[in-house]
């Protein structure tokens, strides 16, 4: 299976500017290609993993990736896929965000050996272009009619688009030209919304370097869930690759809870399991989807990819806590993570189980609390409790901090003991 055949099998690719030309080029030689990442935040999220994984596939086939941090383009704001103007970044924030992205990209791409990836920041060459140079050397190659014909601009005409964002296409085209002239970069990859920017870059190169210059563009499928909603965002927002912004446990849970209709699509995209392994998983999944084994593999592989095997093993243990009721094995921080969103109440002295149930809203009255206890519906740190005179004290706290109360199968609350 060739590189492009595998990328098609996995569902990565949407369009080529010249599929045959690119196929012939990849069969003949190793190439350099690039993908850009604008520093709109100090961390990438799981959506960014799609182009990164394509870069890893190319690198495995001995092609050399160039990761472009958009320190310059990020100051302008890409209008692609947006109805309103982006809030402009300050230079200081752009630099800060770029450093965070640099660090993350080094975790996924190999920067050693013959096919070593290259990291660059387009601010380094864009900052030296004067207004006169921009208009005379580059702007002269773009007609307004040509730019208006691009979806990225046309989609914003009704709401209005500033000249700043209107010029983004030209600035990104300068990137491709610079990378071709400096590194002989022959391919740009990007999301489907980048088609207009990518083709504009190809046109600029061909006008300056010659119409037969072998440069190509490739766009990626927009990944959506089976219900049509955008993939990669949880109820609390984006799933960040920075574990300080999104705990790996939440990434695991997100993918573990993926719908059956989406799981095989995501396994093909987000893992490096072989086609044979994927077909075996799919066969088992069709035979017995109730095991959710495909989701378990998906969630584990993604956390391992982002945070390493040790963390992946750890979040599996954390995810089993609710099933096994082994809360005592977790730290206070992990308890907060596993039970995020449950009612949390502070106590300052030994408290009766009856009062605790009412404080945490697991019961609305002492009569109701007594009934729950009598029926065996209450658990403390995973152990059933029926004694209505039971006191909860500091000695019950897990990691000297929390007591876990549960009513029935799914209702939880946390008591935090504060001296």
Protein backbone atom coordinates (compact mmCIF):
# COMPACT_ATOMS: atom_id res chain seq x y z
CA UNK A 1 0.00 0.00 0.00
CA UNK A 2 1.49 3.35 -1.06
CA UNK A 3 1.45 6.41 1.20
CA UNK A 4 -1.49 8.05 -0.58
CA UNK A 5 -3.38 4.76 -0.71
CA UNK A 6 -3.01 4.39 3.05
CA UNK A 7 -4.07 7.98 3.68
CA UNK A 8 -7.18 7.37 1.55
CA UNK A 9 -7.90 4.09 3.36
CA UNK A 10 -7.72 5.92 6.68
CA UNK A 11 -10.06 8.68 5.48
CA UNK A 12 -7.67 11.62 5.70
CA UNK A 13 -7.85 13.15 2.24
CA UNK A 14 -10.49 15.39 0.71
CA UNK A 15 -8.91 17.00 -2.37
CA UNK A 16 -5.71 17.26 -4.41
CA UNK A 17 -4.70 20.05 -6.74
CA UNK A 18 -3.05 17.43 -8.98
CA UNK A 19 -3.34 13.87 -7.64
CA UNK A 20 -1.50 12.20 -10.52
CA UNK A 21 1.35 14.69 -10.44
CA UNK A 22 1.77 14.30 -6.68
CA UNK A 23 1.52 10.49 -6.90
CA UNK A 24 4.26 10.38 -9.54
CA UNK A 25 6.46 12.75 -7.52
CA UNK A 26 6.12 10.71 -4.31
CA UNK A 27 6.98 7.50 -6.15
CA UNK A 28 10.15 9.02 -7.62
CA UNK A 29 11.70 10.87 -4.68
CA UNK A 30 11.61 12.05 -1.12
CA UNK A 31 10.02 15.50 -0.85
CA UNK A 32 9.69 18.31 1.64
CA UNK A 33 6.17 19.40 2.54
CA UNK A 34 4.63 21.74 5.06
CA UNK A 35 1.65 22.42 7.27
CA UNK A 36 0.99 25.62 9.19
CA UNK A 37 -0.23 26.12 12.76
CA UNK A 38 -1.33 29.62 13.73
CA UNK A 39 -0.64 30.36 17.44
CA UNK A 40 -4.19 31.36 18.38
CA UNK A 41 -3.70 29.53 21.72
CA UNK A 42 -0.74 28.28 23.73
CA UNK A 43 -1.71 24.66 23.08
CA UNK A 44 -2.88 22.56 20.17
CA UNK A 45 -6.04 20.46 20.53
CA UNK A 46 -7.11 17.02 19.29
CA UNK A 47 -8.32 18.51 16.00
CA UNK A 48 -4.73 19.55 15.23
CA UNK A 49 -3.66 15.93 15.59
CA UNK A 50 -5.11 15.13 12.17
CA UNK A 51 -2.53 17.13 10.13
CA UNK A 52 0.18 16.13 12.61
CA UNK A 53 -0.61 12.45 12.08
CA UNK A 54 -0.49 12.94 8.31
CA UNK A 55 2.92 14.51 8.76
CA UNK A 56 3.98 11.44 10.76
CA UNK A 57 2.71 9.14 7.97
CA UNK A 58 4.70 11.13 5.39
CA UNK A 59 7.78 11.01 7.60
CA UNK A 60 7.46 7.23 7.98
CA UNK A 61 7.68 7.06 4.18
CA UNK A 62 10.90 9.14 4.25
CA UNK A 63 9.45 12.52 3.32
CA UNK A 64 10.57 15.53 5.33
CA UNK A 65 7.94 17.60 7.17
CA UNK A 66 8.23 21.32 7.78
CA UNK A 67 6.04 22.58 10.62
CA UNK A 68 5.35 26.29 10.19
CA UNK A 69 4.31 28.20 13.29
CA UNK A 70 2.28 31.17 12.11
CA UNK A 71 3.85 33.81 14.31
CA UNK A 72 3.30 36.30 11.49
CA UNK A 73 0.03 35.10 9.99
CA UNK A 74 -1.34 34.68 13.51
CA UNK A 75 -1.01 38.45 13.96
CA UNK A 76 -3.25 38.97 10.92
CA UNK A 77 -5.97 36.40 11.55
CA UNK A 78 -7.12 33.68 9.15
CA UNK A 79 -10.73 34.32 8.00
CA UNK A 80 -11.11 30.67 6.91
CA UNK A 81 -14.09 28.91 8.45
CA UNK A 82 -15.19 31.96 10.43
CA UNK A 83 -18.22 34.22 10.22
CA UNK A 84 -16.67 37.07 12.21
CA UNK A 85 -13.28 38.73 12.49
CA UNK A 86 -10.79 37.14 14.86
CA UNK A 87 -9.54 39.10 17.82
CA UNK A 88 -6.03 40.27 16.94
CA UNK A 89 -3.16 38.75 18.91
CA UNK A 90 -0.47 40.94 20.41
CA UNK A 91 3.10 40.17 19.37
CA UNK A 92 3.91 39.13 22.94
CA UNK A 93 0.98 36.69 23.05
CA UNK A 94 1.85 35.31 19.61
CA UNK A 95 5.42 34.61 20.76
CA UNK A 96 4.19 33.00 23.99
CA UNK A 97 1.69 30.80 22.16
CA UNK A 98 4.26 29.86 19.51
CA UNK A 99 6.63 28.56 22.16
CA UNK A 100 3.92 26.28 23.55
CA UNK A 101 3.16 24.88 20.08
CA UNK A 102 6.86 24.40 19.30
CA UNK A 103 7.17 22.23 22.42
CA UNK A 104 4.13 20.13 21.55
CA UNK A 105 5.14 19.47 17.94
CA UNK A 106 8.50 18.08 19.07
CA UNK A 107 6.58 15.34 20.91
CA UNK A 108 4.98 14.02 17.72
CA UNK A 109 7.50 14.55 14.92
CA UNK A 110 11.05 13.22 14.76
CA UNK A 111 13.66 15.97 14.58
CA UNK A 112 16.63 13.63 14.16
CA UNK A 113 17.99 11.54 11.33
CA UNK A 114 17.85 11.79 7.56
CA UNK A 115 14.13 12.63 7.46
CA UNK A 116 14.27 15.04 10.40
CA UNK A 117 11.39 17.49 10.64
CA UNK A 118 12.07 21.22 10.42
CA UNK A 119 10.42 23.84 12.65
CA UNK A 120 10.15 27.42 11.40
CA UNK A 121 8.19 30.53 12.33
CA UNK A 122 6.85 32.68 9.47
CA UNK A 123 7.24 35.81 11.57
CA UNK A 124 10.99 35.49 10.89
CA UNK A 125 10.57 36.31 7.18
CA UNK A 126 7.27 38.23 7.13
CA UNK A 127 8.49 40.89 9.59
CA UNK A 128 11.16 42.06 7.14
CA UNK A 129 8.77 42.75 4.23
CA UNK A 130 7.99 46.46 3.87
CA UNK A 131 4.57 47.74 2.79
CA UNK A 132 6.00 48.78 -0.58
CA UNK A 133 7.55 45.33 -1.12
CA UNK A 134 4.30 43.63 -0.11
CA UNK A 135 2.24 45.63 -2.60
CA UNK A 136 4.77 45.73 -5.45
CA UNK A 137 6.39 42.27 -5.28
CA UNK A 138 3.46 40.18 -4.11
CA UNK A 139 0.16 42.09 -4.27
CA UNK A 140 0.75 42.78 -7.98
CA UNK A 141 0.29 39.04 -8.62
CA UNK A 142 -3.27 38.95 -7.26
CA UNK A 143 -6.31 40.57 -8.83
CA UNK A 144 -9.20 41.56 -6.59
CA UNK A 145 -11.52 39.48 -8.79
CA UNK A 146 -9.31 36.42 -8.23
CA UNK A 147 -9.38 36.90 -4.45
CA UNK A 148 -13.14 37.48 -4.37
CA UNK A 149 -13.67 34.18 -6.20
CA UNK A 150 -12.11 32.22 -3.30
CA UNK A 151 -14.59 30.72 -0.83
CA UNK A 152 -12.55 31.97 2.10
CA UNK A 153 -13.31 35.57 1.01
CA UNK A 154 -16.68 35.09 -0.70
CA UNK A 155 -18.20 33.53 2.43
CA UNK A 156 -17.45 36.71 4.37
CA UNK A 157 -18.71 39.30 1.89
CA UNK A 158 -22.18 39.58 3.41
CA UNK A 159 -20.90 40.16 6.96
CA UNK A 160 -17.94 42.19 5.75
CA UNK A 161 -14.22 41.49 5.80
CA UNK A 162 -11.44 43.88 6.75
CA UNK A 163 -8.49 44.52 4.45
CA UNK A 164 -6.34 42.89 7.12
CA UNK A 165 -8.10 39.54 6.81
CA UNK A 166 -8.60 40.03 3.07
CA UNK A 167 -4.81 40.14 2.71
CA UNK A 168 -4.30 36.90 4.68
CA UNK A 169 -4.42 34.85 1.46
CA UNK A 170 -1.52 36.79 0.00
CA UNK A 171 0.52 36.51 3.18
CA UNK A 172 0.04 32.73 3.38
CA UNK A 173 0.98 32.51 -0.31
CA UNK A 174 4.26 34.26 0.55
CA UNK A 175 4.90 31.45 3.05
CA UNK A 176 4.64 28.77 0.36
CA UNK A 177 6.84 30.79 -2.01
CA UNK A 178 9.46 31.34 0.71
CA UNK A 179 9.47 27.67 1.69
CA UNK A 180 9.78 26.60 -1.94
CA UNK A 181 12.69 28.99 -2.56
CA UNK A 182 14.43 28.22 0.75
CA UNK A 183 13.77 24.50 1.31
CA UNK A 184 12.43 23.36 -2.10
CA UNK A 185 9.11 22.58 -0.40
CA UNK A 186 6.74 21.09 -2.97
CA UNK A 187 3.55 20.31 -1.06
CA UNK A 188 1.27 22.13 1.35
CA UNK A 189 -1.34 20.26 3.39
CA UNK A 190 -4.19 21.84 5.33
CA UNK A 191 -7.82 21.59 6.33
CA UNK A 192 -10.53 21.66 3.67
CA UNK A 193 -11.22 25.32 4.52
CA UNK A 194 -7.64 26.12 3.43
CA UNK A 195 -8.22 25.21 -0.23
CA UNK A 196 -8.37 28.84 -1.37
CA UNK A 197 -5.21 29.80 0.52
CA UNK A 198 -3.32 26.74 -0.73
CA UNK A 199 -4.24 27.25 -4.39
CA UNK A 200 -3.35 30.93 -4.12
CA UNK A 201 0.11 29.92 -2.93
CA UNK A 202 0.53 27.53 -5.86
CA UNK A 203 -0.50 30.27 -8.30
CA UNK A 204 2.00 32.72 -6.81
CA UNK A 205 4.86 30.21 -7.08
CA UNK A 206 3.99 29.40 -10.70
CA UNK A 207 3.84 33.11 -11.62
CA UNK A 208 7.25 33.81 -10.09
CA UNK A 209 9.10 30.52 -10.61
CA UNK A 210 7.46 29.35 -13.84
CA UNK A 211 4.19 27.72 -14.86
CA UNK A 212 5.65 24.18 -14.84
CA UNK A 213 7.00 24.37 -11.28
CA UNK A 214 6.09 21.04 -9.60
CA UNK A 215 4.22 22.18 -6.49
CA UNK A 216 1.05 20.66 -5.06
CA UNK A 217 -1.71 21.07 -2.50
CA UNK A 218 -3.71 18.54 -0.51
CA UNK A 219 -6.63 19.15 1.83
CA UNK A 220 -7.98 17.01 4.65
CA UNK A 221 -11.49 15.83 5.39
CA UNK A 222 -13.42 17.91 7.90
CA UNK A 223 -14.04 15.48 10.73
CA UNK A 224 -17.56 15.58 12.12
CA UNK A 225 -19.55 13.25 14.33
CA UNK A 226 -22.40 11.15 12.97
CA UNK A 227 -24.87 13.69 14.38
CA UNK A 228 -23.27 16.41 12.24
CA UNK A 229 -21.65 18.32 15.12
CA UNK A 230 -18.02 19.37 15.07
CA UNK A 231 -15.68 16.70 16.34
CA UNK A 232 -13.11 17.28 19.08
CA UNK A 233 -14.99 19.45 21.57
CA UNK A 234 -16.44 18.25 24.85
CA UNK A 235 -19.15 19.94 26.89
CA UNK A 236 -16.42 21.94 28.64
CA UNK A 237 -14.75 23.05 25.40
CA UNK A 238 -11.75 22.01 23.30
CA UNK A 239 -9.75 18.92 24.18
CA UNK A 240 -6.29 20.45 24.57
CA UNK A 241 -3.06 18.49 24.20
CA UNK A 242 -1.64 20.31 27.23
CA UNK A 243 -2.54 18.16 30.25
CA UNK A 244 -2.76 21.29 32.41
CA UNK A 245 -5.63 22.50 30.22
CA UNK A 246 -7.31 19.12 29.60
CA UNK A 247 -6.57 16.18 31.89
CA UNK A 248 -5.69 12.99 29.93
CA UNK A 249 -8.54 11.24 31.78
CA UNK A 250 -11.06 13.55 30.08
CA UNK A 251 -9.55 12.78 26.66
CA UNK A 252 -9.82 9.07 27.45
CA UNK A 253 -13.45 9.42 28.53
CA UNK A 254 -14.35 11.51 25.47
CA UNK A 255 -13.12 8.86 23.07
CA UNK A 256 -14.40 5.95 25.18
CA UNK A 257 -17.88 7.46 24.88
CA UNK A 258 -17.70 7.96 21.10
CA UNK A 259 -20.78 6.64 19.27
CA UNK A 260 -20.59 3.22 17.65
CA UNK A 261 -21.16 4.85 14.25
CA UNK A 262 -17.97 6.93 14.62
CA UNK A 263 -15.50 4.65 16.35
CA UNK A 264 -14.00 2.80 13.35
CA UNK A 265 -13.59 6.07 11.42
CA UNK A 266 -11.63 7.52 14.33
CA UNK A 267 -9.54 4.38 14.87
CA UNK A 268 -8.34 4.64 11.27
CA UNK A 269 -7.42 8.30 11.62
CA UNK A 270 -6.11 8.58 15.17
CA UNK A 271 -4.05 5.41 15.51
CA UNK A 272 -1.15 3.75 13.73
CA UNK A 273 -2.74 0.31 13.97
CA UNK A 274 -2.15 -1.60 10.74
CA UNK A 275 -4.98 -2.12 8.24
CA UNK A 276 -5.00 -5.79 9.27
CA UNK A 277 -5.35 -4.88 12.96
CA UNK A 278 -8.10 -2.40 12.15
CA UNK A 279 -10.06 -4.95 10.12
CA UNK A 280 -9.80 -7.46 13.01
CA UNK A 281 -11.10 -4.85 15.49
CA UNK A 282 -13.93 -3.96 13.12
CA UNK A 283 -14.90 -7.62 12.71
CA UNK A 284 -15.01 -8.13 16.49
CA UNK A 285 -16.89 -4.85 16.91
CA UNK A 286 -19.60 -5.83 14.43
CA UNK A 287 -19.96 -9.20 16.14
CA UNK A 288 -20.38 -7.70 19.62
CA UNK A 289 -20.51 -3.88 19.84
CA UNK A 290 -21.71 -4.05 23.45
CA UNK A 291 -18.20 -4.75 24.75
CA UNK A 292 -17.09 -1.25 23.63
CA UNK A 293 -13.70 -2.82 23.01
CA UNK A 294 -13.17 -0.67 19.91
CA UNK A 295 -13.79 2.48 21.99
CA UNK A 296 -11.38 1.23 24.68
CA UNK A 297 -8.64 0.69 22.10
CA UNK A 298 -9.30 4.11 20.51
CA UNK A 299 -9.24 5.97 23.84
CA UNK A 300 -6.09 4.17 25.02
CA UNK A 301 -4.18 4.68 21.76
CA UNK A 302 -4.96 8.40 21.63
CA UNK A 303 -3.88 9.06 25.22
CA UNK A 304 -0.73 6.99 24.60
CA UNK A 305 0.00 9.03 21.47
CA UNK A 306 -0.42 12.36 23.27
CA UNK A 307 0.87 11.61 26.76
CA UNK A 308 2.75 8.30 26.58
CA UNK A 309 2.10 4.71 27.64
CA UNK A 310 2.53 5.31 31.37
CA UNK A 311 -0.18 7.98 31.42
CA UNK A 312 -2.44 5.87 29.18
CA UNK A 313 -2.15 2.96 31.62
CA UNK A 314 -2.86 5.31 34.51
CA UNK A 315 -6.03 6.79 33.04
CA UNK A 316 -7.31 3.29 32.30
CA UNK A 317 -6.93 2.62 36.02
CA UNK A 318 -8.71 5.86 36.82
CA UNK A 319 -11.55 5.00 34.43
CA UNK A 320 -12.08 1.65 36.18
CA UNK A 321 -12.46 3.26 39.59
CA UNK A 322 -16.18 3.97 39.20
CA UNK A 323 -16.82 0.39 38.08
CA UNK A 324 -14.73 -1.21 40.82
CA UNK A 325 -15.45 1.49 43.44
CA UNK A 326 -11.74 1.56 44.38
CA UNK A 327 -11.62 5.26 45.23
CA UNK A 328 -8.92 4.76 47.86
CA UNK A 329 -6.39 4.10 45.08
CA UNK A 330 -6.68 7.68 43.80
CA UNK A 331 -5.14 10.95 44.94
CA UNK A 332 -7.30 13.92 45.87
CA UNK A 333 -6.61 15.58 42.50
CA UNK A 334 -7.53 12.38 40.66
CA UNK A 335 -10.76 12.10 42.64
CA UNK A 336 -11.67 15.63 41.58
CA UNK A 337 -10.94 14.68 37.98
CA UNK A 338 -12.89 11.42 37.97
CA UNK A 339 -15.85 12.99 39.79
CA UNK A 340 -15.72 16.37 38.03
CA UNK A 341 -19.02 18.21 38.21
CA UNK A 342 -20.50 16.38 41.21
CA UNK A 343 -21.72 18.30 44.24
CA UNK A 344 -18.80 19.14 46.55
CA UNK A 345 -19.32 20.27 50.13
CA UNK A 346 -16.86 21.26 52.88
CA UNK A 347 -17.20 19.95 56.45
CA UNK A 348 -15.18 21.22 59.41
CA UNK A 349 -15.87 18.58 62.03
CA UNK A 350 -17.12 14.98 62.29
CA UNK A 351 -20.53 14.86 60.57
CA UNK A 352 -23.26 12.24 60.69
CA UNK A 353 -24.08 10.30 57.53
CA UNK A 354 -27.65 11.63 57.77
CA UNK A 355 -26.46 15.26 57.76
CA UNK A 356 -23.89 14.53 55.04
CA UNK A 357 -26.55 13.16 52.71
CA UNK A 358 -28.63 16.31 53.14
CA UNK A 359 -25.63 18.66 52.86
CA UNK A 360 -24.68 17.09 49.53
CA UNK A 361 -28.31 16.99 48.28
CA UNK A 362 -28.22 13.21 47.98
CA UNK A 363 -31.25 13.29 50.28
CA UNK A 364 -33.82 16.03 50.82
CA UNK A 365 -34.79 15.08 54.39
CA UNK A 366 -33.75 12.88 57.27
CA UNK A 367 -36.68 10.60 56.53
CA UNK A 368 -35.48 10.18 52.94
CA UNK A 369 -31.87 9.70 54.08
CA UNK A 370 -32.98 7.03 56.55
CA UNK A 371 -34.91 5.24 53.79
CA UNK A 372 -31.91 5.26 51.43
CA UNK A 373 -29.66 3.83 54.17
CA UNK A 374 -32.19 1.16 55.10
CA UNK A 375 -32.47 0.04 51.46
CA UNK A 376 -28.70 -0.20 51.01
CA UNK A 377 -28.61 2.60 48.44
CA UNK A 378 -25.79 4.56 50.12
CA UNK A 379 -22.04 3.91 49.81
CA UNK A 380 -19.13 5.66 51.51
CA UNK A 381 -15.79 5.44 49.68
CA UNK A 382 -17.22 2.53 47.71
CA UNK A 383 -18.51 0.51 50.68
CA UNK A 384 -22.24 0.19 51.37
CA UNK A 385 -23.40 1.71 54.63
CA UNK A 386 -26.71 1.19 56.44
CA UNK A 387 -25.97 2.56 59.93
CA UNK A 388 -27.77 5.90 60.30
CA UNK A 389 -25.63 6.75 63.37
CA UNK A 390 -22.38 6.49 61.38
CA UNK A 391 -20.13 9.54 61.78
CA UNK A 392 -17.82 10.75 59.02
CA UNK A 393 -14.49 12.06 60.26
CA UNK A 394 -11.02 12.90 59.10
CA UNK A 395 -10.01 9.24 59.29
CA UNK A 396 -12.44 8.49 56.45
CA UNK A 397 -10.76 10.94 54.06
CA UNK A 398 -8.99 9.65 50.97
CA UNK A 399 -5.59 11.32 50.58
CA UNK A 400 -6.41 13.27 53.76
CA UNK A 401 -8.94 15.31 51.76
CA UNK A 402 -12.10 13.72 50.35
CA UNK A 403 -14.89 11.33 51.26
CA UNK A 404 -16.91 9.89 48.37
CA UNK A 405 -20.65 9.46 48.89
CA UNK A 406 -22.82 7.60 46.40
CA UNK A 407 -26.56 7.10 46.18
CA UNK A 408 -27.80 4.39 43.88
CA UNK A 409 -25.78 3.60 40.77
CA UNK A 410 -24.81 7.01 39.42
CA UNK A 411 -25.35 9.83 41.94
CA UNK A 412 -22.10 10.96 43.59
CA UNK A 413 -20.97 13.74 45.90
CA UNK A 414 -17.69 14.71 47.55
CA UNK A 415 -17.15 15.79 51.13
CA UNK A 416 -13.98 17.74 51.71
CA UNK A 417 -12.74 17.78 55.28
CA UNK A 418 -11.32 21.19 56.14
CA UNK A 419 -9.78 21.72 59.60
